[in-house]
mmCIF file of all heavy atoms, coordinates in Angstrom:
data_MODEL
# 
_entry.id   MODEL 
# 
loop_
_atom_site.group_PDB 
_atom_site.id 
_atom_site.type_symbol 
_atom_site.label_atom_id 
_atom_site.label_alt_id 
_atom_site.label_comp_id 
_atom_site.label_asym_id 
_atom_site.label_entity_id 
_atom_site.label_seq_id 
_atom_site.pdbx_PDB_ins_code 
_atom_site.Cartn_x 
_atom_site.Cartn_y 
_atom_site.Cartn_z 
_atom_site.occupancy 
_atom_site.B_iso_or_equiv 
_atom_site.pdbx_formal_charge 
_atom_site.auth_seq_id 
_atom_site.auth_comp_id 
_atom_site.auth_asym_id 
_atom_site.auth_atom_id 
_atom_site.pdbx_PDB_model_num 
ATOM 1   N N   . VAL A 1 1  ? -13.383 -10.271 8.192   1.00 0.00 ? 1  VAL A N   1 
ATOM 2   C CA  . VAL A 1 1  ? -12.255 -10.735 7.377   1.00 0.00 ? 1  VAL A CA  1 
ATOM 3   C C   . VAL A 1 1  ? -11.980 -9.735  6.250   1.00 0.00 ? 1  VAL A C   1 
ATOM 4   O O   . VAL A 1 1  ? -10.825 -9.383  5.987   1.00 0.00 ? 1  VAL A O   1 
ATOM 5   C CB  . VAL A 1 1  ? -12.514 -12.154 6.830   1.00 0.00 ? 1  VAL A CB  1 
ATOM 6   C CG1 . VAL A 1 1  ? -11.480 -12.537 5.782   1.00 0.00 ? 1  VAL A CG1 1 
ATOM 7   C CG2 . VAL A 1 1  ? -12.521 -13.162 7.970   1.00 0.00 ? 1  VAL A CG2 1 
ATOM 8   N N   . ASN A 1 2  ? -13.027 -9.260  5.599   1.00 0.00 ? 2  ASN A N   1 
ATOM 9   C CA  . ASN A 1 2  ? -12.832 -8.279  4.524   1.00 0.00 ? 2  ASN A CA  1 
ATOM 10  C C   . ASN A 1 2  ? -12.197 -6.994  5.038   1.00 0.00 ? 2  ASN A C   1 
ATOM 11  O O   . ASN A 1 2  ? -11.317 -6.418  4.391   1.00 0.00 ? 2  ASN A O   1 
ATOM 12  C CB  . ASN A 1 2  ? -14.151 -7.989  3.809   1.00 0.00 ? 2  ASN A CB  1 
ATOM 13  C CG  . ASN A 1 2  ? -14.582 -9.123  2.911   1.00 0.00 ? 2  ASN A CG  1 
ATOM 14  O OD1 . ASN A 1 2  ? -13.763 -9.927  2.466   1.00 0.00 ? 2  ASN A OD1 1 
ATOM 15  N ND2 . ASN A 1 2  ? -15.873 -9.209  2.649   1.00 0.00 ? 2  ASN A ND2 1 
ATOM 16  N N   . GLU A 1 3  ? -12.629 -6.534  6.191   1.00 0.00 ? 3  GLU A N   1 
ATOM 17  C CA  . GLU A 1 3  ? -12.056 -5.324  6.780   1.00 0.00 ? 3  GLU A CA  1 
ATOM 18  C C   . GLU A 1 3  ? -10.594 -5.554  7.151   1.00 0.00 ? 3  GLU A C   1 
ATOM 19  O O   . GLU A 1 3  ? -9.752  -4.670  6.988   1.00 0.00 ? 3  GLU A O   1 
ATOM 20  C CB  . GLU A 1 3  ? -12.857 -4.877  7.998   1.00 0.00 ? 3  GLU A CB  1 
ATOM 21  C CG  . GLU A 1 3  ? -12.324 -3.619  8.670   1.00 0.00 ? 3  GLU A CG  1 
ATOM 22  C CD  . GLU A 1 3  ? -12.298 -2.392  7.762   1.00 0.00 ? 3  GLU A CD  1 
ATOM 23  O OE1 . GLU A 1 3  ? -13.144 -2.283  6.853   1.00 0.00 ? 3  GLU A OE1 1 
ATOM 24  O OE2 . GLU A 1 3  ? -11.417 -1.524  7.961   1.00 0.00 ? 3  GLU A OE2 1 
ATOM 25  N N   . ALA A 1 4  ? -10.277 -6.737  7.644   1.00 0.00 ? 4  ALA A N   1 
ATOM 26  C CA  . ALA A 1 4  ? -8.894  -7.061  8.007   1.00 0.00 ? 4  ALA A CA  1 
ATOM 27  C C   . ALA A 1 4  ? -7.990  -7.014  6.774   1.00 0.00 ? 4  ALA A C   1 
ATOM 28  O O   . ALA A 1 4  ? -6.905  -6.415  6.805   1.00 0.00 ? 4  ALA A O   1 
ATOM 29  C CB  . ALA A 1 4  ? -8.834  -8.439  8.668   1.00 0.00 ? 4  ALA A CB  1 
ATOM 30  N N   . ILE A 1 5  ? -8.432  -7.630  5.691   1.00 0.00 ? 5  ILE A N   1 
ATOM 31  C CA  . ILE A 1 5  ? -7.646  -7.627  4.453   1.00 0.00 ? 5  ILE A CA  1 
ATOM 32  C C   . ILE A 1 5  ? -7.477  -6.198  3.937   1.00 0.00 ? 5  ILE A C   1 
ATOM 33  O O   . ILE A 1 5  ? -6.384  -5.785  3.536   1.00 0.00 ? 5  ILE A O   1 
ATOM 34  C CB  . ILE A 1 5  ? -8.300  -8.536  3.393   1.00 0.00 ? 5  ILE A CB  1 
ATOM 35  C CG1 . ILE A 1 5  ? -8.207  -10.002 3.837   1.00 0.00 ? 5  ILE A CG1 1 
ATOM 36  C CG2 . ILE A 1 5  ? -7.650  -8.335  2.021   1.00 0.00 ? 5  ILE A CG2 1 
ATOM 37  C CD1 . ILE A 1 5  ? -9.057  -10.947 3.015   1.00 0.00 ? 5  ILE A CD1 1 
ATOM 38  N N   . LYS A 1 6  ? -8.547  -5.440  3.971   1.00 0.00 ? 6  LYS A N   1 
ATOM 39  C CA  . LYS A 1 6  ? -8.510  -4.050  3.506   1.00 0.00 ? 6  LYS A CA  1 
ATOM 40  C C   . LYS A 1 6  ? -7.517  -3.232  4.329   1.00 0.00 ? 6  LYS A C   1 
ATOM 41  O O   . LYS A 1 6  ? -6.742  -2.449  3.786   1.00 0.00 ? 6  LYS A O   1 
ATOM 42  C CB  . LYS A 1 6  ? -9.920  -3.445  3.606   1.00 0.00 ? 6  LYS A CB  1 
ATOM 43  C CG  . LYS A 1 6  ? -10.019 -2.023  3.136   1.00 0.00 ? 6  LYS A CG  1 
ATOM 44  C CD  . LYS A 1 6  ? -11.460 -1.535  3.263   1.00 0.00 ? 6  LYS A CD  1 
ATOM 45  C CE  . LYS A 1 6  ? -11.570 -0.062  2.973   1.00 0.00 ? 6  LYS A CE  1 
ATOM 46  N NZ  . LYS A 1 6  ? -12.928 0.441   3.234   1.00 0.00 ? 6  LYS A NZ  1 
ATOM 47  N N   . ARG A 1 7  ? -7.526  -3.421  5.636   1.00 0.00 ? 7  ARG A N   1 
ATOM 48  C CA  . ARG A 1 7  ? -6.613  -2.672  6.508   1.00 0.00 ? 7  ARG A CA  1 
ATOM 49  C C   . ARG A 1 7  ? -5.158  -2.987  6.179   1.00 0.00 ? 7  ARG A C   1 
ATOM 50  O O   . ARG A 1 7  ? -4.319  -2.089  6.106   1.00 0.00 ? 7  ARG A O   1 
ATOM 51  C CB  . ARG A 1 7  ? -6.914  -2.989  7.967   1.00 0.00 ? 7  ARG A CB  1 
ATOM 52  C CG  . ARG A 1 7  ? -5.957  -2.402  8.982   1.00 0.00 ? 7  ARG A CG  1 
ATOM 53  C CD  . ARG A 1 7  ? -6.404  -1.105  9.634   1.00 0.00 ? 7  ARG A CD  1 
ATOM 54  N NE  . ARG A 1 7  ? -7.754  -1.130  10.127  1.00 0.00 ? 7  ARG A NE  1 
ATOM 55  C CZ  . ARG A 1 7  ? -8.103  -1.495  11.364  1.00 0.00 ? 7  ARG A CZ  1 
ATOM 56  N NH1 . ARG A 1 7  ? -7.191  -1.888  12.217  1.00 0.00 ? 7  ARG A NH1 1 
ATOM 57  N NH2 . ARG A 1 7  ? -9.362  -1.449  11.727  1.00 0.00 ? 7  ARG A NH2 1 
ATOM 58  N N   . VAL A 1 8  ? -4.844  -4.267  5.969   1.00 0.00 ? 8  VAL A N   1 
ATOM 59  C CA  . VAL A 1 8  ? -3.472  -4.654  5.627   1.00 0.00 ? 8  VAL A CA  1 
ATOM 60  C C   . VAL A 1 8  ? -3.072  -4.013  4.300   1.00 0.00 ? 8  VAL A C   1 
ATOM 61  O O   . VAL A 1 8  ? -1.987  -3.428  4.183   1.00 0.00 ? 8  VAL A O   1 
ATOM 62  C CB  . VAL A 1 8  ? -3.324  -6.190  5.555   1.00 0.00 ? 8  VAL A CB  1 
ATOM 63  C CG1 . VAL A 1 8  ? -1.963  -6.583  4.986   1.00 0.00 ? 8  VAL A CG1 1 
ATOM 64  C CG2 . VAL A 1 8  ? -3.506  -6.812  6.937   1.00 0.00 ? 8  VAL A CG2 1 
ATOM 65  N N   . GLU A 1 9  ? -3.931  -4.096  3.295   1.00 0.00 ? 9  GLU A N   1 
ATOM 66  C CA  . GLU A 1 9  ? -3.611  -3.537  1.986   1.00 0.00 ? 9  GLU A CA  1 
ATOM 67  C C   . GLU A 1 9  ? -3.425  -2.026  2.044   1.00 0.00 ? 9  GLU A C   1 
ATOM 68  O O   . GLU A 1 9  ? -2.495  -1.482  1.441   1.00 0.00 ? 9  GLU A O   1 
ATOM 69  C CB  . GLU A 1 9  ? -4.691  -3.905  0.970   1.00 0.00 ? 9  GLU A CB  1 
ATOM 70  C CG  . GLU A 1 9  ? -4.659  -5.373  0.603   1.00 0.00 ? 9  GLU A CG  1 
ATOM 71  C CD  . GLU A 1 9  ? -5.790  -5.805  -0.323  1.00 0.00 ? 9  GLU A CD  1 
ATOM 72  O OE1 . GLU A 1 9  ? -6.760  -5.028  -0.519  1.00 0.00 ? 9  GLU A OE1 1 
ATOM 73  O OE2 . GLU A 1 9  ? -5.693  -6.921  -0.851  1.00 0.00 ? 9  GLU A OE2 1 
ATOM 74  N N   . GLU A 1 10 ? -4.287  -1.326  2.767   1.00 0.00 ? 10 GLU A N   1 
ATOM 75  C CA  . GLU A 1 10 ? -4.173  0.131   2.882   1.00 0.00 ? 10 GLU A CA  1 
ATOM 76  C C   . GLU A 1 10 ? -2.892  0.522   3.618   1.00 0.00 ? 10 GLU A C   1 
ATOM 77  O O   . GLU A 1 10 ? -2.201  1.455   3.212   1.00 0.00 ? 10 GLU A O   1 
ATOM 78  C CB  . GLU A 1 10 ? -5.389  0.708   3.603   1.00 0.00 ? 10 GLU A CB  1 
ATOM 79  C CG  . GLU A 1 10 ? -6.640  0.703   2.767   1.00 0.00 ? 10 GLU A CG  1 
ATOM 80  C CD  . GLU A 1 10 ? -7.883  1.161   3.526   1.00 0.00 ? 10 GLU A CD  1 
ATOM 81  O OE1 . GLU A 1 10 ? -7.819  1.323   4.771   1.00 0.00 ? 10 GLU A OE1 1 
ATOM 82  O OE2 . GLU A 1 10 ? -8.927  1.339   2.866   1.00 0.00 ? 10 GLU A OE2 1 
ATOM 83  N N   . THR A 1 11 ? -2.571  -0.196  4.685   1.00 0.00 ? 11 THR A N   1 
ATOM 84  C CA  . THR A 1 11 ? -1.348  0.098   5.433   1.00 0.00 ? 11 THR A CA  1 
ATOM 85  C C   . THR A 1 11 ? -0.124  -0.149  4.561   1.00 0.00 ? 11 THR A C   1 
ATOM 86  O O   . THR A 1 11 ? 0.789   0.697   4.504   1.00 0.00 ? 11 THR A O   1 
ATOM 87  C CB  . THR A 1 11 ? -1.261  -0.757  6.713   1.00 0.00 ? 11 THR A CB  1 
ATOM 88  O OG1 . THR A 1 11 ? -2.403  -0.478  7.527   1.00 0.00 ? 11 THR A OG1 1 
ATOM 89  C CG2 . THR A 1 11 ? 0.004   -0.460  7.499   1.00 0.00 ? 11 THR A CG2 1 
ATOM 90  N N   . ASN A 1 12 ? -0.097  -1.272  3.860   1.00 0.00 ? 12 ASN A N   1 
ATOM 91  C CA  . ASN A 1 12 ? 1.035   -1.578  2.980   1.00 0.00 ? 12 ASN A CA  1 
ATOM 92  C C   . ASN A 1 12 ? 1.196   -0.501  1.910   1.00 0.00 ? 12 ASN A C   1 
ATOM 93  O O   . ASN A 1 12 ? 2.309   -0.037  1.652   1.00 0.00 ? 12 ASN A O   1 
ATOM 94  C CB  . ASN A 1 12 ? 0.864   -2.944  2.328   1.00 0.00 ? 12 ASN A CB  1 
ATOM 95  C CG  . ASN A 1 12 ? 1.079   -4.088  3.291   1.00 0.00 ? 12 ASN A CG  1 
ATOM 96  O OD1 . ASN A 1 12 ? 1.458   -3.900  4.445   1.00 0.00 ? 12 ASN A OD1 1 
ATOM 97  N ND2 . ASN A 1 12 ? 0.811   -5.294  2.831   1.00 0.00 ? 12 ASN A ND2 1 
ATOM 98  N N   . SER A 1 13 ? 0.112   -0.103  1.304   1.00 0.00 ? 13 SER A N   1 
ATOM 99  C CA  . SER A 1 13 ? 0.150   0.904   0.251   1.00 0.00 ? 13 SER A CA  1 
ATOM 100 C C   . SER A 1 13 ? 0.662   2.241   0.783   1.00 0.00 ? 13 SER A C   1 
ATOM 101 O O   . SER A 1 13 ? 1.542   2.865   0.190   1.00 0.00 ? 13 SER A O   1 
ATOM 102 C CB  . SER A 1 13 ? -1.240  1.073   -0.353  1.00 0.00 ? 13 SER A CB  1 
ATOM 103 O OG  . SER A 1 13 ? -1.240  2.068   -1.338  1.00 0.00 ? 13 SER A OG  1 
ATOM 104 N N   . THR A 1 14 ? 0.141   2.660   1.924   1.00 0.00 ? 14 THR A N   1 
ATOM 105 C CA  . THR A 1 14 ? 0.556   3.932   2.527   1.00 0.00 ? 14 THR A CA  1 
ATOM 106 C C   . THR A 1 14 ? 2.032   3.921   2.883   1.00 0.00 ? 14 THR A C   1 
ATOM 107 O O   . THR A 1 14 ? 2.757   4.879   2.614   1.00 0.00 ? 14 THR A O   1 
ATOM 108 C CB  . THR A 1 14 ? -0.280  4.225   3.794   1.00 0.00 ? 14 THR A CB  1 
ATOM 109 O OG1 . THR A 1 14 ? -1.657  4.293   3.420   1.00 0.00 ? 14 THR A OG1 1 
ATOM 110 C CG2 . THR A 1 14 ? 0.140   5.519   4.450   1.00 0.00 ? 14 THR A CG2 1 
ATOM 111 N N   . GLU A 1 15 ? 2.499   2.830   3.471   1.00 0.00 ? 15 GLU A N   1 
ATOM 112 C CA  . GLU A 1 15 ? 3.903   2.740   3.879   1.00 0.00 ? 15 GLU A CA  1 
ATOM 113 C C   . GLU A 1 15 ? 4.841   2.703   2.670   1.00 0.00 ? 15 GLU A C   1 
ATOM 114 O O   . GLU A 1 15 ? 5.913   3.299   2.697   1.00 0.00 ? 15 GLU A O   1 
ATOM 115 C CB  . GLU A 1 15 ? 4.130   1.515   4.762   1.00 0.00 ? 15 GLU A CB  1 
ATOM 116 C CG  . GLU A 1 15 ? 3.458   1.605   6.121   1.00 0.00 ? 15 GLU A CG  1 
ATOM 117 C CD  . GLU A 1 15 ? 4.021   2.708   7.005   1.00 0.00 ? 15 GLU A CD  1 
ATOM 118 O OE1 . GLU A 1 15 ? 5.252   2.896   7.040   1.00 0.00 ? 15 GLU A OE1 1 
ATOM 119 O OE2 . GLU A 1 15 ? 3.222   3.404   7.655   1.00 0.00 ? 15 GLU A OE2 1 
ATOM 120 N N   . MET A 1 16 ? 4.451   2.017   1.621   1.00 0.00 ? 16 MET A N   1 
ATOM 121 C CA  . MET A 1 16 ? 5.293   1.956   0.419   1.00 0.00 ? 16 MET A CA  1 
ATOM 122 C C   . MET A 1 16 ? 5.335   3.305   -0.295  1.00 0.00 ? 16 MET A C   1 
ATOM 123 O O   . MET A 1 16 ? 6.364   3.695   -0.839  1.00 0.00 ? 16 MET A O   1 
ATOM 124 C CB  . MET A 1 16 ? 4.814   0.870   -0.543  1.00 0.00 ? 16 MET A CB  1 
ATOM 125 C CG  . MET A 1 16 ? 5.135   -0.512  -0.065  1.00 0.00 ? 16 MET A CG  1 
ATOM 126 S SD  . MET A 1 16 ? 6.918   -0.748  0.165   1.00 0.00 ? 16 MET A SD  1 
ATOM 127 C CE  . MET A 1 16 ? 6.941   -2.428  0.706   1.00 0.00 ? 16 MET A CE  1 
ATOM 128 N N   . GLU A 1 17 ? 4.212   4.028   -0.282  1.00 0.00 ? 17 GLU A N   1 
ATOM 129 C CA  . GLU A 1 17 ? 4.184   5.352   -0.912  1.00 0.00 ? 17 GLU A CA  1 
ATOM 130 C C   . GLU A 1 17 ? 5.137   6.322   -0.214  1.00 0.00 ? 17 GLU A C   1 
ATOM 131 O O   . GLU A 1 17 ? 5.657   7.236   -0.841  1.00 0.00 ? 17 GLU A O   1 
ATOM 132 C CB  . GLU A 1 17 ? 2.766   5.918   -0.927  1.00 0.00 ? 17 GLU A CB  1 
ATOM 133 C CG  . GLU A 1 17 ? 1.901   5.301   -1.994  1.00 0.00 ? 17 GLU A CG  1 
ATOM 134 C CD  . GLU A 1 17 ? 0.483   5.826   -2.002  1.00 0.00 ? 17 GLU A CD  1 
ATOM 135 O OE1 . GLU A 1 17 ? 0.177   6.783   -1.248  1.00 0.00 ? 17 GLU A OE1 1 
ATOM 136 O OE2 . GLU A 1 17 ? -0.332  5.283   -2.766  1.00 0.00 ? 17 GLU A OE2 1 
ATOM 137 N N   . LYS A 1 18 ? 5.372   6.113   1.079   1.00 0.00 ? 18 LYS A N   1 
ATOM 138 C CA  . LYS A 1 18 ? 6.334   6.951   1.793   1.00 0.00 ? 18 LYS A CA  1 
ATOM 139 C C   . LYS A 1 18 ? 7.732   6.786   1.214   1.00 0.00 ? 18 LYS A C   1 
ATOM 140 O O   . LYS A 1 18 ? 8.538   7.710   1.234   1.00 0.00 ? 18 LYS A O   1 
ATOM 141 C CB  . LYS A 1 18 ? 6.345   6.612   3.287   1.00 0.00 ? 18 LYS A CB  1 
ATOM 142 C CG  . LYS A 1 18 ? 5.093   7.033   4.020   1.00 0.00 ? 18 LYS A CG  1 
ATOM 143 C CD  . LYS A 1 18 ? 5.165   6.609   5.469   1.00 0.00 ? 18 LYS A CD  1 
ATOM 144 C CE  . LYS A 1 18 ? 3.887   6.931   6.220   1.00 0.00 ? 18 LYS A CE  1 
ATOM 145 N NZ  . LYS A 1 18 ? 3.935   6.448   7.609   1.00 0.00 ? 18 LYS A NZ  1 
ATOM 146 N N   . ILE A 1 19 ? 8.035   5.587   0.714   1.00 0.00 ? 19 ILE A N   1 
ATOM 147 C CA  . ILE A 1 19 ? 9.350   5.309   0.143   1.00 0.00 ? 19 ILE A CA  1 
ATOM 148 C C   . ILE A 1 19 ? 9.413   5.752   -1.319  1.00 0.00 ? 19 ILE A C   1 
ATOM 149 O O   . ILE A 1 19 ? 10.366  6.390   -1.742  1.00 0.00 ? 19 ILE A O   1 
ATOM 150 C CB  . ILE A 1 19 ? 9.693   3.806   0.252   1.00 0.00 ? 19 ILE A CB  1 
ATOM 151 C CG1 . ILE A 1 19 ? 9.821   3.415   1.725   1.00 0.00 ? 19 ILE A CG1 1 
ATOM 152 C CG2 . ILE A 1 19 ? 10.982  3.476   -0.502  1.00 0.00 ? 19 ILE A CG2 1 
ATOM 153 C CD1 . ILE A 1 19 ? 9.936   1.925   1.967   1.00 0.00 ? 19 ILE A CD1 1 
ATOM 154 N N   . THR A 1 20 ? 8.374   5.420   -2.087  1.00 0.00 ? 20 THR A N   1 
ATOM 155 C CA  . THR A 1 20 ? 8.412   5.672   -3.523  1.00 0.00 ? 20 THR A CA  1 
ATOM 156 C C   . THR A 1 20 ? 7.906   7.059   -3.904  1.00 0.00 ? 20 THR A C   1 
ATOM 157 O O   . THR A 1 20 ? 8.102   7.483   -5.040  1.00 0.00 ? 20 THR A O   1 
ATOM 158 C CB  . THR A 1 20 ? 7.548   4.640   -4.279  1.00 0.00 ? 20 THR A CB  1 
ATOM 159 O OG1 . THR A 1 20 ? 6.183   4.792   -3.888  1.00 0.00 ? 20 THR A OG1 1 
ATOM 160 C CG2 . THR A 1 20 ? 8.027   3.229   -4.002  1.00 0.00 ? 20 THR A CG2 1 
ATOM 161 N N   . GLY A 1 21 ? 7.250   7.732   -2.975  1.00 0.00 ? 21 GLY A N   1 
ATOM 162 C CA  . GLY A 1 21 ? 6.678   9.032   -3.311  1.00 0.00 ? 21 GLY A CA  1 
ATOM 163 C C   . GLY A 1 21 ? 5.577   8.915   -4.344  1.00 0.00 ? 21 GLY A C   1 
ATOM 164 O O   . GLY A 1 21 ? 5.455   9.738   -5.230  1.00 0.00 ? 21 GLY A O   1 
ATOM 165 N N   . SER A 1 22 ? 4.808   7.850   -4.288  1.00 0.00 ? 22 SER A N   1 
ATOM 166 C CA  . SER A 1 22 ? 3.693   7.567   -5.214  1.00 0.00 ? 22 SER A CA  1 
ATOM 167 C C   . SER A 1 22 ? 4.164   7.232   -6.619  1.00 0.00 ? 22 SER A C   1 
ATOM 168 O O   . SER A 1 22 ? 3.367   7.183   -7.534  1.00 0.00 ? 22 SER A O   1 
ATOM 169 C CB  . SER A 1 22 ? 2.702   8.739   -5.260  1.00 0.00 ? 22 SER A CB  1 
ATOM 170 O OG  . SER A 1 22 ? 2.196   8.996   -3.989  1.00 0.00 ? 22 SER A OG  1 
ATOM 171 N N   . MET A 1 23 ? 5.459   7.044   -6.800  1.00 0.00 ? 23 MET A N   1 
ATOM 172 C CA  . MET A 1 23 ? 5.983   6.706   -8.121  1.00 0.00 ? 23 MET A CA  1 
ATOM 173 C C   . MET A 1 23 ? 5.606   5.257   -8.444  1.00 0.00 ? 23 MET A C   1 
ATOM 174 O O   . MET A 1 23 ? 5.735   4.365   -7.614  1.00 0.00 ? 23 MET A O   1 
ATOM 175 C CB  . MET A 1 23 ? 7.513   6.850   -8.114  1.00 0.00 ? 23 MET A CB  1 
ATOM 176 C CG  . MET A 1 23 ? 8.165   6.472   -9.400  1.00 0.00 ? 23 MET A CG  1 
ATOM 177 S SD  . MET A 1 23 ? 9.958   6.723   -9.424  1.00 0.00 ? 23 MET A SD  1 
ATOM 178 C CE  . MET A 1 23 ? 10.470  6.734   -7.745  1.00 0.00 ? 23 MET A CE  1 
ATOM 179 N N   . SER A 1 24 ? 5.121   5.033   -9.637  1.00 0.00 ? 24 SER A N   1 
ATOM 180 C CA  . SER A 1 24 ? 4.735   3.701   -10.054 1.00 0.00 ? 24 SER A CA  1 
ATOM 181 C C   . SER A 1 24 ? 5.599   3.257   -11.218 1.00 0.00 ? 24 SER A C   1 
ATOM 182 O O   . SER A 1 24 ? 5.606   3.885   -12.264 1.00 0.00 ? 24 SER A O   1 
ATOM 183 C CB  . SER A 1 24 ? 3.264   3.677   -10.468 1.00 0.00 ? 24 SER A CB  1 
ATOM 184 O OG  . SER A 1 24 ? 2.923   2.399   -10.927 1.00 0.00 ? 24 SER A OG  1 
ATOM 185 N N   . MET A 1 25 ? 6.364   2.192   -11.000 1.00 0.00 ? 25 MET A N   1 
ATOM 186 C CA  . MET A 1 25 ? 7.196   1.648   -12.062 1.00 0.00 ? 25 MET A CA  1 
ATOM 187 C C   . MET A 1 25 ? 6.994   0.136   -12.085 1.00 0.00 ? 25 MET A C   1 
ATOM 188 O O   . MET A 1 25 ? 7.792   -0.606  -11.537 1.00 0.00 ? 25 MET A O   1 
ATOM 189 C CB  . MET A 1 25 ? 8.665   1.962   -11.809 1.00 0.00 ? 25 MET A CB  1 
ATOM 190 C CG  . MET A 1 25 ? 9.007   3.402   -11.888 1.00 0.00 ? 25 MET A CG  1 
ATOM 191 S SD  . MET A 1 25 ? 10.778  3.588   -11.700 1.00 0.00 ? 25 MET A SD  1 
ATOM 192 C CE  . MET A 1 25 ? 10.919  5.340   -11.690 1.00 0.00 ? 25 MET A CE  1 
ATOM 193 N N   . PRO A 1 26 ? 5.920   -0.310  -12.722 1.00 0.00 ? 26 PRO A N   1 
ATOM 194 C CA  . PRO A 1 26 ? 5.649   -1.739  -12.759 1.00 0.00 ? 26 PRO A CA  1 
ATOM 195 C C   . PRO A 1 26 ? 6.832   -2.517  -13.324 1.00 0.00 ? 26 PRO A C   1 
ATOM 196 O O   . PRO A 1 26 ? 7.434   -2.125  -14.311 1.00 0.00 ? 26 PRO A O   1 
ATOM 197 C CB  . PRO A 1 26 ? 4.436   -1.858  -13.681 1.00 0.00 ? 26 PRO A CB  1 
ATOM 198 C CG  . PRO A 1 26 ? 3.821   -0.490  -13.681 1.00 0.00 ? 26 PRO A CG  1 
ATOM 199 C CD  . PRO A 1 26 ? 4.940   0.470   -13.448 1.00 0.00 ? 26 PRO A CD  1 
ATOM 200 N N   . GLY A 1 27 ? 7.170   -3.601  -12.653 1.00 0.00 ? 27 GLY A N   1 
ATOM 201 C CA  . GLY A 1 27 ? 8.256   -4.444  -13.121 1.00 0.00 ? 27 GLY A CA  1 
ATOM 202 C C   . GLY A 1 27 ? 9.616   -4.054  -12.598 1.00 0.00 ? 27 GLY A C   1 
ATOM 203 O O   . GLY A 1 27 ? 10.525  -4.851  -12.578 1.00 0.00 ? 27 GLY A O   1 
# 
């Protein structure tokens, strides 16, 4: 279960970084 959650989070993060270019703008 922990590995499953980790995989989802890593995939989501990687895919979003493709759009934002690692830019972080909280809010």
